[in-house]
Amino acid sequence: MSVIKNQMLKGVRWTGISTLLITIIQILQFALLANQMSVAQFGLVGMITTIVIFSQILLDLGLGSAIIQREELRERMLSTLHWLNLFVGAGLFALLMGASPLIAAFFHREELTQLIRLLALMFLIAPVGQQSQYLLQRDLRFNDLAIIEMGAAILSFIILMVLIFTISPIYAYVISQVVLYALKGILYFFCYRKTWRPSFVFDLSECREVLPFGAFQLSSRLVNRIGSNIDVILIGRFLGAEALGIYNLVYQIVTIPVLKINPILTRVAFPVFSKHQGNTTALNDGFLHMTKLLGLVTFPMLMGLTAVANVFIQSVFGEKWMEAVPILQIMAIVGILRVLMNPNGSVILAKGKANITFYWDAGVLILYGLTLWGAVLTGSLETVAWTYAGVSFVNFIVGRWLLAWLIQLRWKAYIKTIAVPFGLSLIMTVTAYFIKETSSGYFPQAAIWPLLISVTSGAGLYIMLLGFAYPNFIKKRTRGQQL
């Protein structure tokens, strides 16, 4: 096994355990919120999530990737960046406190003012462990990162469960998020303090080597996130909180593989790829290997979801959410494309090409913004979803062309890599659909049974198909070889 694959697999083990537990917790949290909240309140969750995403990007300043990517780091540089993060965190706190009425007015929801001000508290605490988190990742200490993140997620969920039945569900959610991010920041700092502690140094001249990289990365991430969240912003602004509630439910479901499963590999891939940034063959091999693993795990989830969408929504979230079914089936296409596009960033940043990422994301933002703005004006969520899927496909094609130029990625090798996961998942999806339709006739009043029968049968079939496609899988894994 190549060095790059071995390093990735070691990190994947711990990151996978952490992600699995956190994903289970967030799915339970997700279902709990959807059942306890009104559709409009769930729309507020989408608005709050968007605010958190942009605030975290500003807090990072794009320098996290710079730290991980650099081969050598100086003490004075790290200390300066630590204090810079604290200053930016205080600035974000003040900004959110002051701008909360304006944000609330933009979305036509007065209650957002107090919710945002409560949320702002996290930015006074979370920055404490910002540099420590990056250094843990750079040192490939994924076991420590996993333990911290699992512990914070568990405590946050416990607090949510206690509060959601005693105060307003939306306030319970915001408080749990403050606890989650603040606790992670504190734990990162204490975990790495034996290896490094910040000194009382603040000299921006020490950071002149990483600031240009960070500036491009910050700009790129802001542009990327505006593009990724422009749908939420436009729907919340023009279609209202209830429409956003339905869309947010769907978006959360289809992006679980992207946001939770993909990072098992991509979080490990960036520091590993960075250590092999000069070896194009190794990067190509590692990218294709990562793509195959992502496809094997996420394709069956997202494709199978289209087959059981109606019974899934009815059983897990209830009748009030049935309007989300056709949107969910369309947005599954977006989920698949995002799974395939997500690893691009690890390669591009590992090559030190943060400027390319910025220009690419800027072009995508313009394309997404114009097309989704037109779609929102139709007043139809289905039109928005189909538009999102179409533009995502265009973005996917551009991404393959970019990697062909950057690491000489070949279309033939890429198609061969994803063909087997896609084919196996398609067989499973068609089978699960017919089983669901047949079993629904026997259980017309209970959607849970068709859901359980079709999902169990589909999963069993997929595992069996994997055995046929990769007959030596268990033997190779036992010997520590590649799939």
Protein backbone atom coordinates (compact mmCIF):
# COMPACT_ATOMS: atom_id res chain seq x y z
CA MET A 1 0.00 0.00 0.00
CA SER A 2 1.31 3.48 -0.87
CA VAL A 3 2.35 5.84 1.93
CA ILE A 4 -0.40 8.33 1.10
CA LYS A 5 -3.11 5.65 1.29
CA ASN A 6 -1.73 4.30 4.57
CA GLN A 7 -1.73 7.76 6.16
CA MET A 8 -5.26 8.39 4.92
CA LEU A 9 -6.59 5.10 6.26
CA LYS A 10 -5.08 5.67 9.71
CA GLY A 11 -6.79 9.03 9.94
CA VAL A 12 -10.00 7.68 8.49
CA ARG A 13 -10.42 5.15 11.30
CA TRP A 14 -10.71 7.75 14.06
CA THR A 15 -12.44 10.33 11.92
CA GLY A 16 -14.91 7.67 10.82
CA ILE A 17 -15.77 6.66 14.38
CA SER A 18 -16.26 10.29 15.37
CA THR A 19 -18.32 11.13 12.30
CA LEU A 20 -20.53 8.06 12.72
CA LEU A 21 -21.41 8.95 16.30
CA ILE A 22 -21.88 12.66 15.57
CA THR A 23 -24.03 11.87 12.53
CA ILE A 24 -26.28 9.60 14.61
CA ILE A 25 -26.61 12.34 17.23
CA GLN A 26 -27.41 14.98 14.61
CA ILE A 27 -29.98 12.76 12.90
CA LEU A 28 -31.71 12.25 16.26
CA GLN A 29 -31.48 15.99 16.92
CA PHE A 30 -32.76 16.71 13.44
CA ALA A 31 -35.80 14.43 13.87
CA LEU A 32 -36.47 15.81 17.36
CA LEU A 33 -36.44 19.42 16.15
CA ALA A 34 -38.62 18.66 13.12
CA ASN A 35 -41.24 17.01 15.34
CA GLN A 36 -41.17 19.64 18.10
CA MET A 37 -40.98 22.74 15.89
CA SER A 38 -43.45 24.26 13.50
CA VAL A 39 -42.48 24.41 9.81
CA ALA A 40 -41.76 28.14 10.19
CA GLN A 41 -39.53 27.59 13.25
CA PHE A 42 -37.58 25.01 11.30
CA GLY A 43 -37.07 27.70 8.70
CA LEU A 44 -35.47 29.84 11.42
CA VAL A 45 -33.01 27.00 12.04
CA GLY A 46 -31.94 27.31 8.41
CA MET A 47 -31.41 31.05 8.80
CA ILE A 48 -29.40 30.60 12.00
CA THR A 49 -27.28 27.85 10.45
CA THR A 50 -26.42 30.15 7.55
CA ILE A 51 -25.31 32.88 9.96
CA VAL A 52 -23.10 30.42 11.87
CA ILE A 53 -21.48 29.18 8.66
CA PHE A 54 -20.48 32.66 7.48
CA SER A 55 -19.31 33.73 10.95
CA GLN A 56 -17.05 30.68 11.25
CA ILE A 57 -15.49 31.39 7.87
CA LEU A 58 -14.69 34.94 8.96
CA LEU A 59 -13.29 33.64 12.24
CA ASP A 60 -10.96 31.27 10.39
CA LEU A 61 -9.65 34.03 8.08
CA GLY A 62 -8.55 31.31 5.67
CA LEU A 63 -5.45 30.76 7.79
CA GLY A 64 -6.36 27.29 9.05
CA SER A 65 -5.63 25.76 5.66
CA ALA A 66 -2.42 27.81 5.44
CA ILE A 67 -1.17 26.36 8.73
CA ILE A 68 -1.95 22.79 7.68
CA GLN A 69 -0.45 23.26 4.23
CA ARG A 70 2.88 24.78 5.35
CA GLU A 71 5.82 22.45 5.91
CA GLU A 72 7.44 24.69 8.57
CA LEU A 73 5.85 26.91 11.25
CA ARG A 74 7.36 29.47 13.61
CA GLU A 75 6.38 30.06 17.23
CA ARG A 76 5.88 33.81 16.80
CA MET A 77 3.67 33.23 13.78
CA LEU A 78 1.41 30.80 15.65
CA SER A 79 1.09 33.08 18.66
CA THR A 80 0.22 36.06 16.48
CA LEU A 81 -2.45 34.04 14.67
CA HIS A 82 -3.88 32.88 18.01
CA TRP A 83 -4.40 36.44 19.24
CA LEU A 84 -5.67 37.49 15.83
CA ASN A 85 -8.36 34.81 16.07
CA LEU A 86 -9.40 36.12 19.50
CA PHE A 87 -9.64 39.69 18.18
CA VAL A 88 -11.71 38.56 15.20
CA GLY A 89 -13.99 36.56 17.51
CA ALA A 90 -14.64 39.66 19.63
CA GLY A 91 -15.29 41.63 16.46
CA LEU A 92 -17.80 39.04 15.25
CA PHE A 93 -19.57 39.18 18.61
CA ALA A 94 -19.92 42.95 18.34
CA LEU A 95 -20.96 42.76 14.69
CA LEU A 96 -23.72 40.21 15.31
CA MET A 97 -24.99 42.10 18.33
CA GLY A 98 -25.30 45.27 16.30
CA ALA A 99 -26.44 43.81 12.98
CA SER A 100 -29.04 41.38 14.35
CA PRO A 101 -31.99 43.78 13.80
CA LEU A 102 -30.92 44.30 10.19
CA ILE A 103 -30.64 40.55 9.56
CA ALA A 104 -34.06 40.02 11.17
CA ALA A 105 -35.55 42.72 8.95
CA PHE A 106 -34.01 41.15 5.84
CA PHE A 107 -35.75 37.83 6.55
CA HIS A 108 -38.92 39.53 7.88
CA ARG A 109 -38.62 37.66 11.22
CA GLU A 110 -38.34 39.91 14.29
CA GLU A 111 -37.59 37.00 16.62
CA LEU A 112 -34.22 36.52 14.90
CA THR A 113 -32.82 39.59 16.70
CA GLN A 114 -32.62 37.96 20.13
CA LEU A 115 -31.69 34.57 18.73
CA ILE A 116 -28.68 36.01 16.88
CA ARG A 117 -27.53 37.95 19.94
CA LEU A 118 -27.65 34.77 22.00
CA LEU A 119 -25.77 32.91 19.28
CA ALA A 120 -23.04 35.59 19.19
CA LEU A 121 -21.78 34.51 22.62
CA MET A 122 -20.01 31.51 21.10
CA PHE A 123 -17.52 33.76 19.31
CA LEU A 124 -16.13 35.04 22.60
CA ILE A 125 -15.06 31.50 23.59
CA ALA A 126 -14.63 29.28 20.50
CA PRO A 127 -11.55 31.14 19.10
CA VAL A 128 -9.49 30.06 22.12
CA GLY A 129 -8.84 26.67 20.54
CA GLN A 130 -8.78 27.68 16.86
CA GLN A 131 -5.01 27.33 16.29
CA SER A 132 -4.84 24.21 18.44
CA GLN A 133 -7.45 22.53 16.26
CA TYR A 134 -5.45 23.24 13.10
CA LEU A 135 -2.23 22.01 14.69
CA LEU A 136 -3.89 18.78 15.83
CA GLN A 137 -5.07 18.22 12.28
CA ARG A 138 -1.67 19.12 10.82
CA ASP A 139 0.01 16.62 13.15
CA LEU A 140 -2.51 13.97 12.05
CA ARG A 141 -3.74 13.56 15.64
CA PHE A 142 -7.20 12.54 14.53
CA ASN A 143 -7.76 10.41 17.62
CA ASP A 144 -7.64 13.51 19.84
CA LEU A 145 -9.85 15.48 17.46
CA ALA A 146 -12.37 12.63 17.38
CA ILE A 147 -12.61 12.33 21.17
CA ILE A 148 -13.10 16.08 21.61
CA GLU A 149 -15.77 16.34 18.93
CA MET A 150 -17.68 13.28 20.16
CA GLY A 151 -17.69 14.53 23.74
CA ALA A 152 -18.86 18.02 22.79
CA ALA A 153 -21.59 16.63 20.52
CA ILE A 154 -22.93 14.33 23.24
CA LEU A 155 -23.05 17.07 25.87
CA SER A 156 -24.67 19.51 23.44
CA PHE A 157 -27.37 16.97 22.56
CA ILE A 158 -28.09 16.23 26.22
CA ILE A 159 -28.57 19.96 26.86
CA LEU A 160 -30.90 20.21 23.86
CA MET A 161 -33.01 17.28 25.08
CA VAL A 162 -33.37 18.84 28.52
CA LEU A 163 -34.17 22.34 27.28
CA ILE A 164 -36.45 21.55 24.36
CA PHE A 165 -39.23 20.42 26.68
CA THR A 166 -38.82 23.31 29.10
CA ILE A 167 -38.31 26.38 26.89
CA SER A 168 -39.03 27.37 23.28
CA PRO A 169 -37.51 24.74 20.91
CA ILE A 170 -35.74 27.37 18.83
CA TYR A 171 -34.04 28.87 21.91
CA ALA A 172 -33.09 25.38 23.08
CA TYR A 173 -31.42 24.78 19.72
CA VAL A 174 -29.42 28.03 19.81
CA ILE A 175 -28.19 27.40 23.36
CA SER A 176 -27.08 23.89 22.42
CA GLN A 177 -25.07 25.31 19.50
CA VAL A 178 -23.35 27.86 21.74
CA VAL A 179 -22.36 25.06 24.12
CA LEU A 180 -21.15 22.84 21.25
CA TYR A 181 -18.76 25.33 19.64
CA ALA A 182 -17.56 26.94 22.88
CA LEU A 183 -16.78 23.57 24.45
CA LYS A 184 -14.88 22.34 21.40
CA GLY A 185 -12.74 25.49 21.43
CA ILE A 186 -11.83 25.03 25.10
CA LEU A 187 -11.04 21.33 24.70
CA TYR A 188 -8.86 21.85 21.61
CA PHE A 189 -6.77 24.37 23.54
CA PHE A 190 -6.23 22.15 26.59
CA CYS A 191 -5.54 19.08 24.46
CA TYR A 192 -2.65 20.75 22.59
CA ARG A 193 -1.28 22.90 25.42
CA LYS A 194 1.52 20.42 26.26
CA THR A 195 2.82 20.68 22.70
CA TRP A 196 2.27 24.38 22.15
CA ARG A 197 1.01 27.38 24.10
CA PRO A 198 0.63 30.88 22.71
CA SER A 199 3.03 33.49 23.96
CA PHE A 200 2.24 37.18 24.37
CA VAL A 201 3.40 38.09 20.87
CA PHE A 202 1.48 39.95 18.20
CA ASP A 203 3.54 40.72 15.12
CA LEU A 204 1.72 40.57 11.79
CA SER A 205 5.01 40.76 9.93
CA GLU A 206 5.61 37.19 11.12
CA CYS A 207 2.54 36.12 9.15
CA ARG A 208 3.38 37.74 5.84
CA GLU A 209 4.07 34.33 4.27
CA VAL A 210 0.64 32.90 5.10
CA LEU A 211 -1.56 35.99 4.79
CA PRO A 212 -1.76 35.94 0.95
CA PHE A 213 -2.72 32.24 1.00
CA GLY A 214 -5.21 32.96 3.78
CA ALA A 215 -6.70 35.93 1.95
CA PHE A 216 -7.39 33.86 -1.15
CA GLN A 217 -8.72 30.99 0.95
CA LEU A 218 -10.96 33.32 2.98
CA SER A 219 -12.28 34.94 -0.19
CA SER A 220 -12.78 31.56 -1.80
CA ARG A 221 -14.63 30.11 1.16
CA LEU A 222 -16.85 33.17 1.48
CA VAL A 223 -17.70 33.05 -2.20
CA ASN A 224 -18.19 29.27 -2.03
CA ARG A 225 -20.51 29.53 0.96
CA ILE A 226 -22.50 32.36 -0.54
CA GLY A 227 -22.95 30.14 -3.58
CA SER A 228 -23.85 27.14 -1.42
CA ASN A 229 -26.28 29.13 0.73
CA ILE A 230 -27.70 31.53 -1.82
CA ASP A 231 -30.71 29.24 -2.13
CA VAL A 232 -31.41 29.47 1.61
CA ILE A 233 -30.95 33.25 1.58
CA LEU A 234 -33.22 33.79 -1.42
CA ILE A 235 -35.93 31.37 -0.26
CA GLY A 236 -35.96 32.88 3.23
CA ARG A 237 -36.15 36.38 1.81
CA PHE A 238 -38.72 35.91 -0.97
CA LEU A 239 -40.70 32.73 -0.18
CA GLY A 240 -40.81 32.99 3.62
CA ALA A 241 -39.97 30.92 6.68
CA GLU A 242 -42.41 28.08 5.95
CA ALA A 243 -41.05 27.45 2.46
CA LEU A 244 -37.55 27.65 3.91
CA GLY A 245 -38.57 25.17 6.62
CA ILE A 246 -39.51 22.58 3.98
CA TYR A 247 -36.40 23.29 1.94
CA ASN A 248 -34.17 23.20 5.02
CA LEU A 249 -35.53 19.79 6.01
CA VAL A 250 -34.71 18.42 2.56
CA TYR A 251 -31.33 20.13 2.42
CA GLN A 252 -30.29 18.72 5.79
CA ILE A 253 -31.24 15.19 4.71
CA VAL A 254 -29.39 15.17 1.39
CA THR A 255 -26.29 16.94 2.66
CA ILE A 256 -25.66 14.51 5.54
CA PRO A 257 -23.37 12.42 3.28
CA VAL A 258 -21.60 15.58 2.09
CA LEU A 259 -21.19 17.30 5.45
CA LYS A 260 -20.71 14.25 7.66
CA ILE A 261 -19.40 11.34 5.62
CA ASN A 262 -17.21 13.19 3.10
CA PRO A 263 -15.09 14.85 5.83
CA ILE A 264 -14.09 11.38 7.09
CA LEU A 265 -11.85 11.34 4.03
CA THR A 266 -11.46 14.98 3.00
CA ARG A 267 -10.39 16.12 6.46
CA VAL A 268 -7.68 13.48 6.40
CA ALA A 269 -6.89 13.97 2.71
CA PHE A 270 -5.84 17.63 2.88
CA PRO A 271 -2.93 17.27 5.32
CA VAL A 272 -1.92 13.96 3.71
CA PHE A 273 -2.08 15.39 0.18
CA SER A 274 -0.13 18.43 1.40
CA LYS A 275 2.74 16.19 2.45
CA HIS A 276 2.81 14.77 -1.11
CA GLN A 277 2.00 17.97 -2.97
CA GLY A 278 4.88 17.57 -5.41
CA ASN A 279 3.95 14.03 -6.46
CA THR A 280 1.21 14.25 -9.11
CA THR A 281 0.96 10.48 -9.48
CA ALA A 282 0.38 10.02 -5.76
CA LEU A 283 -2.25 12.79 -5.71
CA ASN A 284 -4.06 11.28 -8.70
CA ASP A 285 -4.01 7.84 -7.11
CA GLY A 286 -5.17 9.19 -3.75
CA PHE A 287 -7.98 11.27 -5.31
CA LEU A 288 -9.39 8.32 -7.27
CA HIS A 289 -9.15 6.06 -4.23
CA MET A 290 -10.99 8.64 -2.12
CA THR A 291 -13.66 9.08 -4.81
CA LYS A 292 -14.30 5.34 -4.96
CA LEU A 293 -14.69 5.06 -1.19
CA LEU A 294 -17.05 8.05 -1.11
CA GLY A 295 -19.13 6.58 -3.93
CA LEU A 296 -19.42 3.17 -2.28
CA VAL A 297 -20.72 4.74 0.93
CA THR A 298 -22.84 7.67 -0.24
CA PHE A 299 -24.31 6.60 -3.60
CA PRO A 300 -26.55 3.90 -2.08
CA MET A 301 -27.74 6.30 0.63
CA LEU A 302 -28.73 9.12 -1.70
CA MET A 303 -30.01 7.00 -4.58
CA GLY A 304 -31.91 4.72 -2.23
CA LEU A 305 -33.47 7.77 -0.58
CA THR A 306 -35.27 8.64 -3.82
CA ALA A 307 -36.95 5.22 -3.77
CA VAL A 308 -38.35 5.49 -0.23
CA ALA A 309 -38.76 9.27 0.10
CA ASN A 310 -42.51 9.27 0.79
CA VAL A 311 -42.52 6.60 3.50
CA PHE A 312 -39.31 8.01 4.98
CA ILE A 313 -40.73 11.51 5.41
CA GLN A 314 -44.05 10.24 6.72
CA SER A 315 -42.51 7.84 9.24
CA VAL A 316 -39.68 10.03 10.57
CA PHE A 317 -41.08 13.56 10.38
CA GLY A 318 -44.85 13.21 10.08
CA GLU A 319 -47.65 14.20 7.71
CA LYS A 320 -46.99 17.95 8.03
CA TRP A 321 -43.77 17.48 6.03
CA MET A 322 -45.17 15.51 3.04
CA GLU A 323 -44.75 18.53 0.76
CA ALA A 324 -41.02 17.88 1.05
CA VAL A 325 -41.14 14.51 -0.80
CA PRO A 326 -40.74 15.68 -4.44
CA ILE A 327 -38.15 18.27 -3.36
CA LEU A 328 -36.18 15.54 -1.58
CA GLN A 329 -36.15 13.30 -4.66
CA ILE A 330 -34.81 16.12 -6.84
CA MET A 331 -32.25 17.35 -4.32
CA ALA A 332 -30.78 13.84 -4.01
CA ILE A 333 -29.18 14.57 -7.40
CA VAL A 334 -27.54 17.64 -5.88
CA GLY A 335 -26.29 15.52 -2.98
CA ILE A 336 -24.62 13.02 -5.32
CA LEU A 337 -22.92 15.76 -7.31
CA ARG A 338 -21.70 17.49 -4.15
CA VAL A 339 -20.27 14.21 -2.88
CA LEU A 340 -18.23 13.95 -6.06
CA MET A 341 -17.18 17.62 -6.06
CA ASN A 342 -16.26 17.87 -2.39
CA PRO A 343 -12.78 16.23 -2.63
CA ASN A 344 -11.65 18.77 -5.24
CA GLY A 345 -10.72 21.32 -2.59
CA SER A 346 -8.31 18.96 -0.82
CA VAL A 347 -6.26 18.54 -3.99
CA ILE A 348 -6.35 22.19 -5.05
CA LEU A 349 -5.31 23.51 -1.63
CA ALA A 350 -2.66 20.82 -1.21
CA LYS A 351 -1.11 22.13 -4.41
CA GLY A 352 -1.13 25.63 -2.88
CA LYS A 353 -3.58 26.95 -5.49
CA ALA A 354 -5.94 28.89 -3.22
CA ASN A 355 -6.23 31.57 -5.91
CA ILE A 356 -7.70 29.07 -8.37
CA THR A 357 -10.28 28.03 -5.81
CA PHE A 358 -11.30 31.65 -5.36
CA TYR A 359 -11.75 32.35 -9.07
CA TRP A 360 -13.65 29.11 -9.59
CA ASP A 361 -15.96 29.73 -6.65
CA ALA A 362 -16.55 33.32 -7.79
CA GLY A 363 -17.71 32.07 -11.19
CA VAL A 364 -19.94 29.46 -9.57
CA LEU A 365 -21.44 32.11 -7.27
CA ILE A 366 -22.46 34.26 -10.22
CA LEU A 367 -23.96 31.27 -12.02
CA TYR A 368 -25.83 29.99 -8.95
CA GLY A 369 -26.98 33.43 -7.90
CA LEU A 370 -28.51 34.44 -11.22
CA THR A 371 -30.20 31.11 -11.95
CA LEU A 372 -31.56 30.58 -8.43
CA TRP A 373 -32.80 34.15 -8.22
CA GLY A 374 -34.82 33.55 -11.35
CA ALA A 375 -36.07 30.23 -9.98
CA VAL A 376 -37.18 31.75 -6.65
CA LEU A 377 -39.20 34.39 -8.45
CA THR A 378 -41.40 31.63 -9.92
CA GLY A 379 -42.61 30.88 -6.37
CA SER A 380 -42.05 27.14 -6.84
CA LEU A 381 -39.71 25.10 -4.63
CA GLU A 382 -39.59 22.35 -7.25
CA THR A 383 -38.30 24.84 -9.82
CA VAL A 384 -35.63 25.96 -7.34
CA ALA A 385 -34.60 22.33 -6.76
CA TRP A 386 -34.35 21.47 -10.47
CA THR A 387 -32.39 24.64 -11.12
CA TYR A 388 -29.98 23.80 -8.32
CA ALA A 389 -29.48 20.30 -9.78
CA GLY A 390 -28.80 21.63 -13.27
CA VAL A 391 -26.27 24.22 -12.18
CA SER A 392 -24.57 21.67 -9.89
CA PHE A 393 -24.03 19.41 -12.92
CA VAL A 394 -22.35 22.24 -14.80
CA ASN A 395 -20.13 22.89 -11.76
CA PHE A 396 -19.26 19.19 -11.62
CA ILE A 397 -18.10 19.14 -15.25
CA VAL A 398 -15.94 22.23 -14.73
CA GLY A 399 -14.39 20.60 -11.67
CA ARG A 400 -13.32 17.52 -13.65
CA TRP A 401 -11.71 19.74 -16.28
CA LEU A 402 -9.82 21.66 -13.58
CA LEU A 403 -8.43 18.47 -12.03
CA ALA A 404 -7.45 17.18 -15.48
CA TRP A 405 -5.27 20.28 -15.78
CA LEU A 406 -3.97 20.28 -12.21
CA ILE A 407 -3.16 16.59 -11.58
CA GLN A 408 -3.71 15.10 -15.06
CA LEU A 409 -6.92 13.36 -13.99
CA ARG A 410 -8.20 11.21 -16.87
CA TRP A 411 -11.93 10.99 -17.64
CA LYS A 412 -11.65 7.30 -18.48
CA ALA A 413 -10.04 6.49 -15.14
CA TYR A 414 -12.54 8.67 -13.29
CA ILE A 415 -15.61 7.10 -14.94
CA LYS A 416 -14.19 3.65 -14.24
CA THR A 417 -13.75 4.61 -10.59
CA ILE A 418 -17.38 5.65 -10.04
CA ALA A 419 -19.03 3.15 -12.43
CA VAL A 420 -19.18 0.23 -10.02
CA PRO A 421 -20.53 2.19 -7.01
CA PHE A 422 -23.14 3.82 -9.27
CA GLY A 423 -24.19 0.57 -10.93
CA LEU A 424 -24.54 -1.35 -7.66
CA SER A 425 -26.49 1.52 -6.10
CA LEU A 426 -28.83 1.73 -9.10
CA ILE A 427 -29.69 -1.98 -8.86
CA MET A 428 -30.34 -1.57 -5.13
CA THR A 429 -32.49 1.55 -5.67
CA VAL A 430 -34.78 -0.06 -8.26
CA THR A 431 -35.18 -3.14 -6.09
CA ALA A 432 -35.95 -1.08 -2.96
CA TYR A 433 -38.58 0.93 -4.87
CA PHE A 434 -40.52 -2.15 -6.01
CA ILE A 435 -40.29 -3.73 -2.55
CA LYS A 436 -41.62 -0.50 -1.01
CA GLU A 437 -44.52 -0.30 -3.47
CA THR A 438 -45.42 -3.95 -2.93
CA SER A 439 -45.22 -3.83 0.86
CA SER A 440 -47.24 -0.60 0.97
CA GLY A 441 -50.20 -2.59 -0.31
CA TYR A 442 -50.01 -4.84 2.75
CA PHE A 443 -49.52 -1.97 5.22
CA PRO A 444 -51.59 0.93 3.83
CA GLN A 445 -51.92 2.66 7.21
CA ALA A 446 -48.39 2.22 8.53
CA ALA A 447 -45.59 3.75 6.46
CA ILE A 448 -42.93 2.56 8.88
CA TRP A 449 -43.19 -1.08 7.80
CA PRO A 450 -42.71 -0.48 4.06
CA LEU A 451 -39.78 1.77 5.01
CA LEU A 452 -38.12 -0.85 7.22
CA ILE A 453 -38.72 -3.70 4.78
CA SER A 454 -37.44 -1.83 1.73
CA VAL A 455 -34.41 -0.33 3.49
CA THR A 456 -33.42 -3.64 5.08
CA SER A 457 -33.85 -5.54 1.82
CA GLY A 458 -31.99 -2.88 -0.16
CA ALA A 459 -29.09 -2.79 2.31
CA GLY A 460 -28.82 -6.58 2.28
CA LEU A 461 -28.83 -6.65 -1.50
CA TYR A 462 -26.18 -3.93 -1.69
CA ILE A 463 -23.87 -5.81 0.69
CA MET A 464 -24.34 -8.95 -1.40
CA LEU A 465 -23.57 -7.03 -4.60
CA LEU A 466 -20.42 -5.63 -3.00
CA GLY A 467 -19.35 -9.20 -2.33
CA PHE A 468 -19.78 -10.07 -6.00
CA ALA A 469 -18.05 -6.90 -7.22
CA TYR A 470 -15.15 -7.19 -4.75
CA PRO A 471 -14.84 -10.92 -3.94
CA ASN A 472 -11.50 -10.48 -2.21
CA PHE A 473 -12.60 -7.47 -0.13
CA ILE A 474 -12.46 -9.12 3.31
CA LYS A 475 -9.21 -10.88 2.53
CA LYS A 476 -7.56 -7.69 1.31
CA ARG A 477 -8.80 -5.64 4.23
CA THR A 478 -7.46 -8.26 6.62
CA ARG A 479 -4.07 -8.00 4.97
CA GLY A 480 -4.27 -4.18 5.06
CA GLN A 481 -4.37 -3.85 1.27
CA GLN A 482 -6.45 -1.48 -0.81
CA LEU A 483 -10.07 -2.14 -1.82
